[in-house]
C-alpha atoms as a PDB file:
ATOM      1  CA  MET A   1      18.739  -2.508  -5.773  1.00  0.00           C
ATOM      2  CA  ASN A   2      17.040  -5.881  -5.559  1.00  0.00           C
ATOM      3  CA  GLU A   3      13.386  -5.449  -6.586  1.00  0.00           C
ATOM      4  CA  ILE A   4      10.497  -7.829  -5.935  1.00  0.00           C
ATOM      5  CA  GLU A   5       7.432  -7.790  -8.182  1.00  0.00           C
ATOM      6  CA  LEU A   6       4.079  -7.624  -6.399  1.00  0.00           C
ATOM      7  CA  LEU A   7       0.488  -8.508  -7.287  1.00  0.00           C
ATOM      8  CA  ILE A   8      -2.760  -7.458  -5.619  1.00  0.00           C
ATOM      9  CA  HIS A   9      -3.800 -10.186  -3.177  1.00  0.00           C
ATOM     10  CA  ASP A  10      -6.801  -8.679  -1.389  1.00  0.00           C
ATOM     11  CA  MET A  11      -8.335  -5.546   0.048  1.00  0.00           C
ATOM     12  CA  SER A  12     -10.573  -5.179   3.077  1.00  0.00           C
ATOM     13  CA  SER A  13     -11.772  -2.462   5.425  1.00  0.00           C
ATOM     14  CA  THR A  14      -9.941  -1.940   8.700  1.00  0.00           C
ATOM     15  CA  ILE A  15     -11.400  -1.437  12.152  1.00  0.00           C
ATOM     16  CA  GLN A  16      -9.491   1.763  12.946  1.00  0.00           C
ATOM     17  CA  PRO A  17      -9.687   4.272  11.410  1.00  0.00           C
ATOM     18  CA  ALA A  18     -13.119   3.427  10.010  1.00  0.00           C
ATOM     19  CA  ASP A  19     -12.477   5.000   6.601  1.00  0.00           C
ATOM     20  CA  ALA A  20      -9.263   3.064   5.971  1.00  0.00           C
ATOM     21  CA  TYR A  21      -8.651  -0.103   3.981  1.00  0.00           C
ATOM     22  CA  ALA A  22      -5.926  -2.715   4.110  1.00  0.00           C
ATOM     23  CA  LEU A  23      -4.554  -3.385   0.641  1.00  0.00           C
ATOM     24  CA  VAL A  24      -2.536  -6.590   0.664  1.00  0.00           C
ATOM     25  CA  LEU A  25       0.079  -7.122  -2.028  1.00  0.00           C
ATOM     26  CA  GLU A  26       1.884 -10.425  -2.471  1.00  0.00           C
ATOM     27  CA  GLU A  27       5.124 -11.478  -4.089  1.00  0.00           C
ATOM     28  CA  LYS A  28       4.627 -12.593  -7.681  1.00  0.00           C
ATOM     29  CA  TYR A  29       7.183 -15.363  -7.195  1.00  0.00           C
ATOM     30  CA  GLY A  30       6.820 -16.035  -3.479  1.00  0.00           C
ATOM     31  CA  THR A  31       4.385 -16.274  -0.608  1.00  0.00           C
ATOM     32  CA  ARG A  32       5.038 -13.172   1.509  1.00  0.00           C
ATOM     33  CA  LYS A  33       2.372 -10.492   1.712  1.00  0.00           C
ATOM     34  CA  LEU A  34       2.795  -6.745   2.137  1.00  0.00           C
ATOM     35  CA  PRO A  35      -0.085  -4.816   3.787  1.00  0.00           C
ATOM     36  CA  ILE A  36      -0.632  -1.115   3.057  1.00  0.00           C
ATOM     37  CA  ILE A  37      -3.257   1.019   4.777  1.00  0.00           C
ATOM     38  CA  ILE A  38      -5.012   3.312   2.275  1.00  0.00           C
ATOM     39  CA  GLY A  39      -7.898   5.787   2.280  1.00  0.00           C
ATOM     40  CA  ALA A  40     -11.461   5.145   1.166  1.00  0.00           C
ATOM     41  CA  GLN A  41     -11.241   7.141  -2.091  1.00  0.00           C
ATOM     42  CA  GLU A  42      -8.123   5.321  -3.235  1.00  0.00           C
ATOM     43  CA  ALA A  43      -9.619   1.971  -2.200  1.00  0.00           C
ATOM     44  CA  TYR A  44     -12.672   2.755  -4.334  1.00  0.00           C
ATOM     45  CA  SER A  45     -10.482   3.617  -7.327  1.00  0.00           C
ATOM     46  CA  ILE A  46      -8.394   0.465  -6.905  1.00  0.00           C
ATOM     47  CA  LYS A  47     -11.507  -1.722  -6.521  1.00  0.00           C
ATOM     48  CA  ILE A  48     -12.946  -0.267  -9.747  1.00  0.00           C
ATOM     49  CA  ALA A  49      -9.701  -1.112 -11.562  1.00  0.00           C
ATOM     50  CA  MET A  50      -9.618  -4.615 -10.047  1.00  0.00           C
ATOM     51  CA  THR A  51     -13.169  -5.380 -11.176  1.00  0.00           C
ATOM     52  CA  LYS A  52     -12.695  -3.687 -14.566  1.00  0.00           C
ATOM     53  CA  TYR A  53     -15.863  -1.653 -13.963  1.00  0.00           C
ATOM     54  CA  LYS A  54     -16.306   1.225 -16.409  1.00  0.00           C
ATOM     55  CA  SER A  55     -17.414   4.405 -14.644  1.00  0.00           C
ATOM     56  CA  PRO A  56     -19.884   6.507 -16.658  1.00  0.00           C
ATOM     57  CA  ARG A  57     -17.460   9.428 -16.340  1.00  0.00           C
ATOM     58  CA  PRO A  58     -13.673   9.127 -15.969  1.00  0.00           C
ATOM     59  CA  LEU A  59     -12.191   9.174 -12.475  1.00  0.00           C
ATOM     60  CA  THR A  60      -9.010  11.146 -11.781  1.00  0.00           C
ATOM     61  CA  HIS A  61      -6.819   8.046 -12.230  1.00  0.00           C
ATOM     62  CA  ASP A  62      -8.549   7.333 -15.559  1.00  0.00           C
ATOM     63  CA  LEU A  63      -7.823  10.889 -16.719  1.00  0.00           C
ATOM     64  CA  PHE A  64      -4.151  10.508 -15.861  1.00  0.00           C
ATOM     65  CA  ILE A  65      -3.869   7.271 -17.843  1.00  0.00           C
ATOM     66  CA  THR A  66      -5.673   8.840 -20.820  1.00  0.00           C
ATOM     67  CA  LEU A  67      -3.255  11.778 -20.695  1.00  0.00           C
ATOM     68  CA  ILE A  68      -0.102   9.654 -20.683  1.00  0.00           C
ATOM     69  CA  ARG A  69      -1.427   7.517 -23.531  1.00  0.00           C
ATOM     70  CA  LYS A  70      -2.336  10.581 -25.627  1.00  0.00           C
ATOM     71  CA  MET A  71       1.143  11.979 -24.999  1.00  0.00           C
ATOM     72  CA  GLU A  72       2.633   8.616 -26.037  1.00  0.00           C
ATOM     73  CA  VAL A  73       4.416   8.148 -22.727  1.00  0.00           C
ATOM     74  CA  GLU A  74       5.206   4.613 -21.556  1.00  0.00           C
ATOM     75  CA  PHE A  75       4.325   3.899 -17.901  1.00  0.00           C
ATOM     76  CA  THR A  76       7.001   1.294 -17.105  1.00  0.00           C
ATOM     77  CA  LYS A  77       6.561   0.493 -13.409  1.00  0.00           C
ATOM     78  CA  VAL A  78       5.776   1.474  -9.837  1.00  0.00           C
ATOM     79  CA  LEU A  79       8.442   1.097  -7.156  1.00  0.00           C
ATOM     80  CA  ILE A  80       7.552   1.200  -3.457  1.00  0.00           C
ATOM     81  CA  TYR A  81      10.916   2.508  -2.265  1.00  0.00           C
ATOM     82  CA  LEU A  82      10.472   3.574   1.371  1.00  0.00           C
ATOM     83  CA  VAL A  83       8.384   2.945   4.475  1.00  0.00           C
ATOM     84  CA  LYS A  84       8.620   5.542   7.215  1.00  0.00           C
ATOM     85  CA  ASP A  85       6.370   5.705  10.275  1.00  0.00           C
ATOM     86  CA  GLY A  86       3.834   3.428   8.630  1.00  0.00           C
ATOM     87  CA  VAL A  87       3.696   5.492   5.418  1.00  0.00           C
ATOM     88  CA  PHE A  88       4.689   3.857   2.132  1.00  0.00           C
ATOM     89  CA  TYR A  89       6.426   5.995  -0.528  1.00  0.00           C
ATOM     90  CA  SER A  90       6.446   5.158  -4.243  1.00  0.00           C
ATOM     91  CA  TYR A  91       7.892   6.275  -7.542  1.00  0.00           C
ATOM     92  CA  LEU A  92       6.171   6.133 -10.915  1.00  0.00           C
ATOM     93  CA  TYR A  93       8.566   5.356 -13.803  1.00  0.00           C
ATOM     94  CA  PHE A  94       7.881   6.640 -17.318  1.00  0.00           C
ATOM     95  CA  THR A  95       9.787   6.662 -20.587  1.00  0.00           C
ATOM     96  CA  LYS A  96       9.375   8.836 -23.647  1.00  0.00           C
ATOM     97  CA  ASP A  97      11.728   9.163 -26.589  1.00  0.00           C
ATOM     98  CA  GLY A  98      14.381   7.104 -24.793  1.00  0.00           C
ATOM     99  CA  ASN A  99      14.349   9.257 -21.652  1.00  0.00           C
ATOM    100  CA  GLU A 100      13.309   7.931 -18.253  1.00  0.00           C
ATOM    101  CA  TYR A 101      11.254  10.077 -15.858  1.00  0.00           C
ATOM    102  CA  VAL A 102      10.629   9.295 -12.195  1.00  0.00           C
ATOM    103  CA  ILE A 103       7.789  10.945 -10.261  1.00  0.00           C
ATOM    104  CA  ASP A 104       7.106  10.649  -6.537  1.00  0.00           C
ATOM    105  CA  SER A 105       3.593   9.396  -5.719  1.00  0.00           C
ATOM    106  CA  ARG A 106       1.407   8.217  -2.898  1.00  0.00           C
ATOM    107  CA  THR A 107       1.498   4.440  -3.028  1.00  0.00           C
ATOM    108  CA  SER A 108      -2.285   4.121  -3.215  1.00  0.00           C
ATOM    109  CA  ASP A 109      -2.403   6.413  -6.269  1.00  0.00           C
ATOM    110  CA  ALA A 110       0.551   4.601  -7.844  1.00  0.00           C
ATOM    111  CA  ILE A 111      -1.232   1.252  -7.503  1.00  0.00           C
ATOM    112  CA  ALA A 112      -4.526   2.638  -8.848  1.00  0.00           C
ATOM    113  CA  LEU A 113      -2.646   3.914 -11.908  1.00  0.00           C
ATOM    114  CA  ALA A 114      -0.589   0.735 -12.369  1.00  0.00           C
ATOM    115  CA  LEU A 115      -3.734  -1.406 -12.391  1.00  0.00           C
ATOM    116  CA  ARG A 116      -5.313   0.729 -15.102  1.00  0.00           C
ATOM    117  CA  TYR A 117      -2.193   0.767 -17.277  1.00  0.00           C
ATOM    118  CA  LYS A 118      -1.205  -2.822 -16.422  1.00  0.00           C
ATOM    119  CA  ALA A 119       2.202  -1.597 -15.262  1.00  0.00           C
ATOM    120  CA  PRO A 120       4.122  -3.859 -12.876  1.00  0.00           C
ATOM    121  CA  ILE A 121       4.410  -2.987  -9.184  1.00  0.00           C
ATOM    122  CA  PHE A 122       7.703  -3.569  -7.337  1.00  0.00           C
ATOM    123  CA  THR A 123       9.151  -3.051  -3.893  1.00  0.00           C
ATOM    124  CA  THR A 124      12.648  -3.453  -2.533  1.00  0.00           C
ATOM    125  CA  ALA A 125      13.833  -6.671  -0.919  1.00  0.00           C
ATOM    126  CA  GLU A 126      14.565  -4.686   2.250  1.00  0.00           C
ATOM    127  CA  ILE A 127      10.973  -3.433   2.506  1.00  0.00           C
ATOM    128  CA  MET A 128       9.581  -6.909   1.887  1.00  0.00           C
ATOM    129  CA  ASP A 129      11.933  -8.389   4.495  1.00  0.00           C
ATOM    130  CA  ASN A 130      10.984  -5.789   7.125  1.00  0.00           C
ATOM    131  CA  GLU A 131       7.311  -5.094   6.454  1.00  0.00           C
ATOM    132  CA  HIS A 132       5.711  -8.366   5.302  1.00  0.00           C
ATOM    133  CA  LEU A 133       2.901  -9.968   7.258  1.00  0.00           C
ATOM    134  CA  ASN A 134       4.102 -12.620   9.668  1.00  0.00           C
ATOM    135  CA  GLU A 135       2.008 -15.779   9.687  1.00  0.00           C
ATOM    136  CA  GLU A 136       1.457 -17.248  13.135  1.00  0.00           C
ATOM    137  CA  SER A 137       1.278 -21.000  13.801  1.00  0.00           C
ATOM    138  CA  ASN A 138      -2.538 -20.798  14.072  1.00  0.00           C
ATOM    139  CA  GLY A 139      -2.849 -19.335  10.561  1.00  0.00           C
ATOM    140  CA  SER A 140      -3.453 -15.748  11.685  1.00  0.00           C
ATOM    141  CA  PHE A 141      -1.180 -12.856  10.738  1.00  0.00           C
ATOM    142  CA  SER A 142       0.636 -10.274  12.819  1.00  0.00           C
ATOM    143  CA  ILE A 143       1.856  -6.891  11.655  1.00  0.00           C
ATOM    144  CA  THR A 144       4.995  -4.940  12.458  1.00  0.00           C
ATOM    145  CA  ILE A 145       4.978  -1.723  14.465  1.00  0.00           C
ATOM    146  CA  ASN A 146       5.879   0.287  11.331  1.00  0.00           C
ATOM    147  CA  MET A 147       2.497  -0.549   9.785  1.00  0.00           C
ATOM    148  CA  VAL A 148       0.341   1.387  12.261  1.00  0.00           C
ATOM    149  CA  ASN A 149      -0.017   5.061  13.095  1.00  0.00           C
ATOM    150  CA  ILE A 150       1.134   6.626  16.347  1.00  0.00           C
ATOM    151  CA  ASP A 151      -2.369   6.919  17.855  1.00  0.00           C
ATOM    152  CA  ILE A 152      -2.873   3.168  17.530  1.00  0.00           C
ATOM    153  CA  LEU A 153       0.591   2.631  19.022  1.00  0.00           C
ATOM    154  CA  ARG A 154      -0.378   4.725  22.065  1.00  0.00           C
ATOM    155  CA  ASP A 155      -3.517   2.623  22.525  1.00  0.00           C
ATOM    156  CA  GLU A 156      -1.465  -0.567  22.228  1.00  0.00           C
ATOM    157  CA  LEU A 157       1.072   0.787  24.747  1.00  0.00           C
ATOM    158  CA  ASN A 158      -1.700   1.364  27.295  1.00  0.00           C
ATOM    159  CA  LYS A 159      -3.085  -2.113  26.607  1.00  0.00           C
ATOM    160  CA  ALA A 160       0.360  -3.747  27.023  1.00  0.00           C
ATOM    161  CA  ILE A 161       0.904  -1.933  30.332  1.00  0.00           C
ATOM    162  CA  LYS A 162      -2.568  -2.915  31.570  1.00  0.00           C
ATOM    163  CA  GLU A 163      -1.838  -6.556  30.661  1.00  0.00           C
ATOM    164  CA  GLU A 164       1.609  -6.263  32.310  1.00  0.00           C
ATOM    165  CA  ASN A 165       3.332  -7.184  29.053  1.00  0.00           C
ATOM    166  CA  TYR A 166       6.296  -4.917  29.782  1.00  0.00           C
ATOM    167  CA  GLU A 167       8.551  -6.261  27.039  1.00  0.00           C
ATOM    168  CA  GLN A 168       5.947  -5.359  24.403  1.00  0.00           C
ATOM    169  CA  ALA A 169       5.268  -2.027  26.132  1.00  0.00           C
ATOM    170  CA  SER A 170       8.970  -1.224  26.008  1.00  0.00           C
ATOM    171  CA  ARG A 171       9.178  -1.900  22.245  1.00  0.00           C
ATOM    172  CA  ILE A 172       6.083   0.205  21.567  1.00  0.00           C
ATOM    173  CA  ARG A 173       7.335   3.043  23.813  1.00  0.00           C
ATOM    174  CA  ASP A 174      10.673   3.060  21.968  1.00  0.00           C
ATOM    175  CA  GLU A 175       8.899   3.260  18.591  1.00  0.00           C
ATOM    176  CA  ILE A 176       6.695   6.147  19.788  1.00  0.00           C
ATOM    177  CA  LEU A 177       9.751   8.029  21.082  1.00  0.00           C
ATOM    178  CA  ARG A 178      11.633   7.396  17.813  1.00  0.00           C
ATOM    179  CA  ARG A 179       8.725   8.746  15.766  1.00  0.00           C
ATOM    180  CA  GLU A 180       8.270  11.796  18.018  1.00  0.00           C
ATOM    181  CA  LYS A 181      11.983  12.580  17.763  1.00  0.00           C
ATOM    182  CA  SER A 182      11.888  12.095  13.984  1.00  0.00           C
ATOM    183  CA  SER A 183       8.880  14.443  13.693  1.00  0.00           C
ATOM    184  CA  SER A 184      10.523  16.986  15.982  1.00  0.00           C
ATOM    185  CA  ASP A 185      13.751  16.879  13.943  1.00  0.00           C
ATOM    186  CA  ALA A 186      11.794  17.325  10.697  1.00  0.00           C
ATOM    187  CA  GLU A 187       9.887  20.309  12.106  1.00  0.00           C
ATOM    188  CA  SER A 188      13.059  22.023  13.328  1.00  0.00           C
ATOM    189  CA  ASN A 189      14.648  21.554   9.873  1.00  0.00           C
ATOM    190  CA  ASN A 190      11.637  23.220   8.230  1.00  0.00           C
ATOM    191  CA  ILE A 191      11.732  26.326  10.461  1.00  0.00           C
END
């Protein structure tokens, strides 16, 4: 699997939902940027790690790092391995006594931990190719449909229909139907 190393580029609040933040990662050896929508608590933890602020009492991510250091475990990397319906999935990689351990993690938690431990963050070439921000000719950026939740897609579908942009409406409708079918299939498999 071809992996691309990422660095933190920026983080800002989003308009919808109000308690969400856009964390933007960028290629270490390139110019493409990868946006990830994260919650307020994780954004706070990441911002603390970015600014190297020392909390008077340890946060949960600090406790985890202290634990792995005390247990003499090496935190080797984070890998963002999947994006599905706007949700990013990550693995944490650890080694101890020559054995490698891989643990599934929310991407926001994985990044908060990686910043504290100074572990590298990677994604796959496929994810970077499909999910990176697209720069427009006027310097603004556009996002792909996979980066937003279904409620925002429904709002955008109504807007596209109102503006008579039927090509865009068709693409959004198809994505909504794909996600609804995927959710329905997952629910029927869990019954």
